[in-house]
Amino acid sequence: MIKKSVKIVLILCAVLIVLSGILVGFRVILHKPTEEKEIYTVKVETYENIIEISGTVSAAQQQTLQALSAGTVVAVNVKAGDSVKKGDVILQLDNTTELYNLAKHDYDMATTRISGSSRELQLKETQRLSLVQKVEDRKVTATFDGIIADLDVAVGDSLEAKDSVGTLVNIDYLVAEVEVAETDVSKLQKGQEVDLQFSAYPDVIKGYVESWPAIGEITSRGATVVKVKIRIDKYPSAILPNFSFTGKIQIEAPVDNIIVERNAVGYENKKAFVVLAKNEERKEVKIIPYGRDYVKILEGLEGGERLLQQSKSPKSGEKQQRNNSNSQKNNGNTSNRNGNGNGQSGGMPGGGMPGVGGMLPM
């Protein structure tokens, strides 16, 4: 009887041990960490080939209104904001003395024509030109069609020669002179589009390259630059001469690149593919390298898609260990099969795709 009881106890212990093992196994299986695939988003990145610029805009033409000789103001014919035509008299200085001298000279010339020699008459005609110019110098005239931007003078004011009293501008269009580094001058062409951004106006204003000289200048920083003239034909009234801007000269039209991390791309039979995260649909794509960690999608995607991870980047130290191992196997030769000597990430077979020339991520 005792032996039978012992046997039953041993059987029960064995069953308990087996059940415990099964429970532990299930627990290990249930709690085994599952490795989730990372999701990558396809991005659209704009590549721009530009020359960055900055400066201030000026009126198309600008005249400083100043007296050419000393005298008293006897007439002011315009005010600030008025439009004038080329040749209009803006202000007049007292010219009594100059008119008298001219009239007396004309009288003397008439006498010389009667009794004087031809040589003496020729000298008086030359002298008359000087007297006429002195009469003209007693007034300030407009040298082009424009608008009186400012005028600070009144009848009775006494002016000295070269005193400035105002400004005349032509604002049919605006111009700017910007510095372009010598290394970028070869990229310039007349008519190239220029995007200008003013702090006084929210939108981009369009201009274009008008001209640049055939000689460079050395700045105070020791850099060689060329002064390029920018012209703006259409602009809002909120932009005034002397407003500052930043901008860019468009060398080429912007290009949109569709890119994604290398690890989002898998390969089968030397063909690249991706897997959409939303429905695990597999799509073939055409790609080329884009920097070290990205590829550029040539066909198959439009941007914005979410993709499942297809390969892993080597952990820190793994790549070096793998290269060291390959180096030992190849007796010190570290070049891979395509001969470029670069390690490959992302599972690309056959040593990877050919490189991209002249296209860098912004």
Protein backbone atom coordinates (compact mmCIF):
# COMPACT_ATOMS: atom_id res chain seq x y z
CA MET A 1 0.00 0.00 0.00
CA ILE A 2 2.83 2.34 0.87
CA LYS A 3 4.59 1.55 -2.40
CA LYS A 4 1.43 2.33 -4.34
CA SER A 5 1.06 5.73 -2.62
CA VAL A 6 4.66 6.60 -3.34
CA LYS A 7 4.14 5.68 -6.97
CA ILE A 8 1.09 7.92 -7.23
CA VAL A 9 2.99 10.82 -5.65
CA LEU A 10 5.86 10.38 -8.10
CA ILE A 11 3.46 10.33 -11.04
CA LEU A 12 1.76 13.49 -9.80
CA CYS A 13 5.13 15.21 -9.38
CA ALA A 14 6.13 14.24 -12.89
CA VAL A 15 2.86 15.59 -14.29
CA LEU A 16 3.33 18.84 -12.37
CA ILE A 17 6.88 19.18 -13.70
CA VAL A 18 5.70 18.62 -17.29
CA LEU A 19 2.83 21.12 -16.86
CA SER A 20 5.19 23.64 -15.34
CA GLY A 21 7.54 23.23 -18.29
CA ILE A 22 4.70 23.71 -20.73
CA LEU A 23 3.50 26.84 -18.91
CA VAL A 24 7.00 28.28 -18.84
CA GLY A 25 7.37 27.55 -22.56
CA PHE A 26 4.07 29.27 -23.37
CA ARG A 27 5.06 32.21 -21.24
CA VAL A 28 8.39 32.54 -23.05
CA ILE A 29 6.66 32.33 -26.42
CA LEU A 30 3.96 34.82 -25.46
CA HIS A 31 6.44 37.28 -23.99
CA LYS A 32 9.05 36.91 -26.74
CA PRO A 33 9.73 40.40 -28.08
CA THR A 34 8.52 40.87 -31.64
CA GLU A 35 10.66 43.00 -33.89
CA GLU A 36 8.50 45.54 -35.70
CA LYS A 37 9.56 46.87 -39.05
CA GLU A 38 10.28 50.57 -39.21
CA ILE A 39 8.15 52.72 -41.51
CA TYR A 40 9.68 55.29 -43.84
CA THR A 41 7.93 58.18 -45.58
CA VAL A 42 8.78 59.05 -49.18
CA LYS A 43 9.79 62.72 -49.34
CA VAL A 44 9.76 65.31 -52.13
CA GLU A 45 12.83 67.51 -51.91
CA THR A 46 13.41 70.57 -54.11
CA TYR A 47 16.87 71.07 -55.54
CA GLU A 48 17.73 74.67 -56.49
CA ASN A 49 20.74 75.92 -58.45
CA ILE A 50 20.85 79.56 -57.34
CA ILE A 51 23.07 82.51 -56.44
CA GLU A 52 22.00 84.17 -53.19
CA ILE A 53 21.99 87.98 -53.18
CA SER A 54 21.01 90.93 -50.99
CA GLY A 55 20.92 94.70 -51.29
CA THR A 56 18.66 97.73 -51.65
CA VAL A 57 16.56 98.91 -54.58
CA SER A 58 16.88 102.32 -56.22
CA ALA A 59 14.71 104.34 -58.57
CA ALA A 60 15.31 103.86 -62.27
CA GLN A 61 16.67 107.43 -62.37
CA GLN A 62 17.39 109.89 -59.58
CA GLN A 63 18.39 113.58 -59.69
CA THR A 64 19.53 115.56 -56.69
CA LEU A 65 18.05 119.03 -57.03
CA GLN A 66 20.77 121.55 -56.21
CA ALA A 67 21.65 125.13 -57.00
CA LEU A 68 24.51 125.56 -59.48
CA SER A 69 25.33 129.04 -58.19
CA ALA A 70 24.64 131.20 -55.13
CA GLY A 71 21.55 133.40 -55.00
CA THR A 72 18.09 134.12 -53.65
CA VAL A 73 15.11 131.94 -54.59
CA VAL A 74 12.49 134.03 -56.42
CA ALA A 75 10.16 131.22 -57.62
CA VAL A 76 9.31 127.60 -56.69
CA ASN A 77 7.14 126.08 -59.44
CA VAL A 78 6.40 122.60 -57.98
CA LYS A 79 5.89 120.78 -54.70
CA ALA A 80 6.69 117.30 -53.43
CA GLY A 81 4.65 114.63 -55.23
CA ASP A 82 4.23 116.62 -58.46
CA SER A 83 5.04 115.05 -61.82
CA VAL A 84 7.39 116.99 -64.09
CA LYS A 85 8.69 116.68 -67.62
CA LYS A 86 12.28 116.87 -68.80
CA GLY A 87 13.30 120.56 -69.02
CA ASP A 88 10.64 121.88 -66.61
CA VAL A 89 11.92 124.66 -64.30
CA ILE A 90 11.60 123.52 -60.70
CA LEU A 91 12.91 126.68 -59.01
CA GLN A 92 14.33 130.01 -60.08
CA LEU A 93 17.10 132.08 -58.48
CA ASP A 94 17.36 135.84 -58.88
CA ASN A 95 18.96 136.39 -62.30
CA THR A 96 18.75 140.18 -62.66
CA THR A 97 22.52 140.65 -62.92
CA GLU A 98 22.94 137.80 -65.39
CA LEU A 99 20.14 139.08 -67.64
CA TYR A 100 21.65 142.61 -67.57
CA ASN A 101 25.08 141.31 -68.51
CA LEU A 102 23.59 139.32 -71.38
CA ALA A 103 21.55 142.30 -72.67
CA LYS A 104 24.57 144.63 -72.53
CA HIS A 105 26.67 142.08 -74.36
CA ASP A 106 24.03 141.77 -77.11
CA TYR A 107 24.10 145.58 -77.50
CA ASP A 108 27.89 145.53 -77.81
CA MET A 109 27.66 142.75 -80.39
CA ALA A 110 25.30 144.82 -82.51
CA THR A 111 27.81 147.68 -82.52
CA THR A 112 30.64 145.33 -83.40
CA ARG A 113 28.73 144.01 -86.41
CA ILE A 114 28.66 147.58 -87.79
CA SER A 115 32.13 148.89 -87.02
CA GLY A 116 34.19 146.00 -85.65
CA SER A 117 36.27 143.29 -87.27
CA SER A 118 35.04 139.78 -87.93
CA ARG A 119 37.55 138.40 -85.42
CA GLU A 120 36.20 140.67 -82.66
CA LEU A 121 32.63 139.60 -83.49
CA GLN A 122 33.61 135.93 -83.29
CA LEU A 123 35.06 136.45 -79.79
CA LYS A 124 31.89 138.22 -78.64
CA GLU A 125 29.73 135.33 -79.93
CA THR A 126 31.81 132.91 -77.90
CA GLN A 127 31.52 135.14 -74.83
CA ARG A 128 27.76 135.28 -75.31
CA LEU A 129 27.53 131.50 -74.91
CA SER A 130 29.15 131.83 -71.46
CA LEU A 131 26.67 134.54 -70.43
CA VAL A 132 23.69 132.46 -71.60
CA GLN A 133 24.96 129.53 -69.50
CA LYS A 134 25.15 131.80 -66.43
CA VAL A 135 21.49 132.69 -66.95
CA GLU A 136 20.62 128.97 -67.17
CA ASP A 137 22.59 128.27 -63.99
CA ARG A 138 20.18 130.50 -62.06
CA LYS A 139 17.44 127.88 -62.30
CA VAL A 140 17.08 124.19 -61.41
CA THR A 141 15.48 122.09 -64.17
CA ALA A 142 14.37 118.44 -64.49
CA THR A 143 16.74 116.28 -66.51
CA PHE A 144 14.11 113.54 -67.11
CA ASP A 145 10.41 112.84 -66.70
CA GLY A 146 9.67 111.95 -63.09
CA ILE A 147 8.15 112.77 -59.71
CA ILE A 148 9.36 115.25 -57.10
CA ALA A 149 10.17 112.90 -54.23
CA ASP A 150 10.98 115.71 -51.79
CA LEU A 151 11.54 119.47 -51.98
CA ASP A 152 12.69 121.67 -49.10
CA VAL A 153 12.92 125.24 -50.37
CA ALA A 154 10.79 128.41 -50.37
CA VAL A 155 10.76 131.80 -52.04
CA GLY A 156 13.24 134.11 -50.31
CA ASP A 157 15.66 131.36 -49.29
CA SER A 158 19.31 132.15 -49.91
CA LEU A 159 21.25 129.26 -51.45
CA GLU A 160 24.93 128.60 -51.91
CA ALA A 161 26.32 126.79 -54.94
CA LYS A 162 25.74 122.99 -54.71
CA ASP A 163 23.13 123.31 -51.93
CA SER A 164 20.69 120.37 -52.25
CA VAL A 165 17.01 121.20 -51.96
CA GLY A 166 15.25 118.00 -53.04
CA THR A 167 15.13 114.86 -55.18
CA LEU A 168 13.54 113.98 -58.50
CA VAL A 169 12.98 110.29 -59.26
CA ASN A 170 11.77 108.13 -62.10
CA ILE A 171 10.07 105.08 -60.60
CA ASP A 172 8.75 103.49 -63.79
CA TYR A 173 10.94 100.57 -62.70
CA LEU A 174 13.42 99.82 -59.91
CA VAL A 175 17.03 98.74 -60.09
CA ALA A 176 19.49 97.16 -57.67
CA GLU A 177 23.21 96.53 -57.73
CA VAL A 178 24.28 93.29 -56.04
CA GLU A 179 27.61 91.61 -55.46
CA VAL A 180 28.23 88.22 -57.09
CA ALA A 181 31.33 86.20 -56.22
CA GLU A 182 33.86 85.70 -59.00
CA THR A 183 33.26 81.93 -58.94
CA ASP A 184 29.60 82.45 -59.87
CA VAL A 185 30.00 85.03 -62.64
CA SER A 186 30.31 82.34 -65.34
CA LYS A 187 26.79 81.16 -64.44
CA LEU A 188 25.21 84.55 -65.19
CA GLN A 189 23.09 85.26 -68.26
CA LYS A 190 21.14 88.34 -69.23
CA GLY A 191 17.45 87.94 -68.48
CA GLN A 192 17.88 85.31 -65.73
CA GLU A 193 14.94 85.37 -63.33
CA VAL A 194 15.52 86.85 -59.87
CA ASP A 195 13.29 86.27 -56.82
CA LEU A 196 13.30 89.15 -54.34
CA GLN A 197 11.86 89.12 -50.82
CA PHE A 198 11.20 92.40 -48.97
CA SER A 199 10.39 92.67 -45.26
CA ALA A 200 7.84 95.35 -46.21
CA TYR A 201 5.91 93.01 -48.51
CA PRO A 202 4.81 89.40 -47.96
CA ASP A 203 5.05 88.02 -51.50
CA VAL A 204 8.03 87.31 -53.73
CA ILE A 205 8.71 89.99 -56.36
CA LYS A 206 10.17 89.02 -59.72
CA GLY A 207 13.10 90.77 -61.39
CA TYR A 208 15.78 89.83 -63.90
CA VAL A 209 19.49 90.22 -64.54
CA GLU A 210 20.07 93.25 -66.77
CA SER A 211 23.86 93.63 -67.01
CA TRP A 212 27.23 93.39 -65.31
CA PRO A 213 30.63 94.99 -66.06
CA ALA A 214 33.63 93.32 -67.67
CA ILE A 215 35.75 93.97 -64.60
CA GLY A 216 35.62 92.79 -61.00
CA GLU A 217 36.11 94.67 -57.75
CA ILE A 218 37.91 93.77 -54.54
CA THR A 219 35.85 94.28 -51.40
CA SER A 220 37.12 95.46 -48.02
CA ARG A 221 37.12 91.79 -47.01
CA GLY A 222 39.58 90.98 -49.78
CA ALA A 223 37.04 89.05 -51.89
CA THR A 224 36.69 89.60 -55.63
CA VAL A 225 33.14 90.32 -56.76
CA VAL A 226 31.27 91.64 -59.78
CA LYS A 227 28.53 94.27 -59.38
CA VAL A 228 25.46 92.88 -61.17
CA LYS A 229 22.53 95.15 -62.11
CA ILE A 230 19.06 93.78 -61.37
CA ARG A 231 15.93 95.35 -62.86
CA ILE A 232 12.34 95.11 -61.54
CA ASP A 233 9.70 96.20 -64.04
CA LYS A 234 6.58 95.35 -62.02
CA TYR A 235 6.37 95.95 -58.30
CA PRO A 236 3.73 96.94 -55.70
CA SER A 237 3.38 100.49 -54.42
CA ALA A 238 4.42 99.26 -50.97
CA ILE A 239 8.01 98.93 -52.23
CA LEU A 240 9.90 102.23 -52.29
CA PRO A 241 13.44 103.16 -53.36
CA ASN A 242 16.10 102.30 -50.75
CA PHE A 243 14.07 99.36 -49.35
CA SER A 244 16.29 96.36 -48.57
CA PHE A 245 15.80 92.83 -49.86
CA THR A 246 17.22 89.33 -49.94
CA GLY A 247 16.90 87.16 -52.99
CA LYS A 248 18.25 84.57 -55.38
CA ILE A 249 19.23 84.45 -59.03
CA GLN A 250 17.79 81.33 -60.62
CA ILE A 251 20.56 79.60 -62.59
CA GLU A 252 18.29 76.66 -63.48
CA ALA A 253 14.65 75.90 -62.87
CA PRO A 254 14.03 74.13 -59.50
CA VAL A 255 13.89 70.31 -59.66
CA ASP A 256 11.74 68.14 -57.37
CA ASN A 257 13.47 64.94 -56.24
CA ILE A 258 11.53 62.01 -54.75
CA ILE A 259 13.74 60.42 -52.09
CA VAL A 260 13.54 57.83 -49.31
CA GLU A 261 15.95 56.09 -46.93
CA ARG A 262 17.91 53.20 -48.45
CA ASN A 263 16.51 50.77 -45.88
CA ALA A 264 13.01 51.13 -47.34
CA VAL A 265 14.17 49.44 -50.56
CA GLY A 266 14.56 45.71 -51.06
CA TYR A 267 16.04 43.77 -53.98
CA GLU A 268 15.09 40.59 -55.75
CA ASN A 269 16.73 39.33 -58.94
CA LYS A 270 18.67 42.60 -58.99
CA LYS A 271 15.43 44.58 -59.20
CA ALA A 272 14.51 47.15 -56.54
CA PHE A 273 11.12 47.06 -54.84
CA VAL A 274 9.26 48.65 -51.93
CA VAL A 275 6.32 47.54 -49.80
CA LEU A 276 3.51 49.99 -48.99
CA ALA A 277 2.72 50.12 -45.28
CA LYS A 278 -1.03 50.62 -45.71
CA ASN A 279 -1.77 47.35 -47.55
CA GLU A 280 1.65 45.67 -47.88
CA GLU A 281 1.43 46.01 -51.64
CA ARG A 282 4.76 45.38 -53.32
CA LYS A 283 5.87 47.78 -56.04
CA GLU A 284 8.88 47.74 -58.29
CA VAL A 285 10.83 51.01 -58.43
CA LYS A 286 13.77 52.48 -60.31
CA ILE A 287 16.32 54.21 -58.10
CA ILE A 288 19.73 55.81 -58.03
CA PRO A 289 21.82 56.74 -54.96
CA TYR A 290 21.15 60.14 -53.38
CA GLY A 291 23.80 60.90 -50.81
CA ARG A 292 24.94 58.22 -48.37
CA ASP A 293 21.68 57.26 -46.65
CA TYR A 294 19.04 57.96 -49.31
CA VAL A 295 18.02 56.87 -52.78
CA LYS A 296 16.26 58.89 -55.46
CA ILE A 297 13.09 57.35 -56.91
CA LEU A 298 13.04 57.66 -60.71
CA GLU A 299 9.88 55.60 -61.29
CA GLY A 300 7.21 53.92 -59.17
CA LEU A 301 6.42 56.48 -56.43
CA GLU A 302 5.10 60.04 -56.31
CA GLY A 303 5.98 61.17 -52.77
CA GLY A 304 4.12 60.90 -49.49
CA GLU A 305 3.87 57.08 -49.51
CA ARG A 306 4.71 55.19 -46.30
CA LEU A 307 6.96 52.17 -46.81
CA LEU A 308 7.89 49.17 -44.71
CA GLN A 309 11.53 48.58 -43.83
CA GLN A 310 13.25 46.03 -46.07
CA SER A 311 16.79 46.05 -44.70
CA LYS A 312 18.80 47.26 -41.74
CA SER A 313 21.71 49.60 -41.43
CA PRO A 314 24.67 47.90 -39.76
CA LYS A 315 24.98 48.59 -36.05
CA SER A 316 27.88 50.60 -34.71
CA GLY A 317 31.05 48.56 -35.19
CA GLU A 318 29.44 45.87 -37.39
CA LYS A 319 30.49 47.49 -40.64
CA GLN A 320 34.09 47.88 -39.47
CA GLN A 321 34.22 44.27 -38.27
CA ARG A 322 32.80 43.06 -41.59
CA ASN A 323 35.33 45.11 -43.54
CA ASN A 324 38.16 43.78 -41.39
CA SER A 325 36.96 40.22 -42.01
CA ASN A 326 36.73 40.78 -45.76
CA SER A 327 40.17 42.37 -45.69
CA GLN A 328 41.65 39.24 -44.11
CA LYS A 329 39.93 36.97 -46.63
CA ASN A 330 41.13 39.04 -49.56
CA ASN A 331 44.71 39.29 -48.22
CA GLY A 332 44.38 43.01 -47.54
CA ASN A 333 42.32 43.95 -50.63
CA THR A 334 39.45 46.13 -49.31
CA SER A 335 37.71 46.79 -52.64
CA ASN A 336 34.27 45.24 -53.13
CA ARG A 337 33.04 43.49 -56.26
CA ASN A 338 32.28 46.61 -58.26
CA GLY A 339 35.74 47.97 -57.53
CA ASN A 340 34.69 51.25 -55.94
CA GLY A 341 35.94 50.40 -52.48
CA ASN A 342 32.77 51.67 -50.74
CA GLY A 343 30.81 49.60 -48.24
CA GLN A 344 27.13 49.07 -49.15
CA SER A 345 24.13 49.43 -46.85
CA GLY A 346 20.51 48.58 -47.50
CA GLY A 347 21.11 45.13 -49.01
CA MET A 348 21.98 46.32 -52.53
CA PRO A 349 23.27 43.34 -54.55
CA GLY A 350 26.25 43.46 -56.84
CA GLY A 351 27.95 46.38 -55.13
CA GLY A 352 25.16 48.98 -55.54
CA MET A 353 23.89 51.36 -58.20
CA PRO A 354 26.01 53.94 -60.10
CA GLY A 355 26.53 57.27 -58.37
CA VAL A 356 24.68 60.51 -58.98
CA GLY A 357 26.58 63.43 -60.51
CA GLY A 358 25.85 67.03 -59.66
CA MET A 359 22.78 66.46 -57.48
CA LEU A 360 23.01 66.99 -53.74
CA PRO A 361 20.25 67.10 -51.15
CA MET A 362 19.37 70.57 -49.87
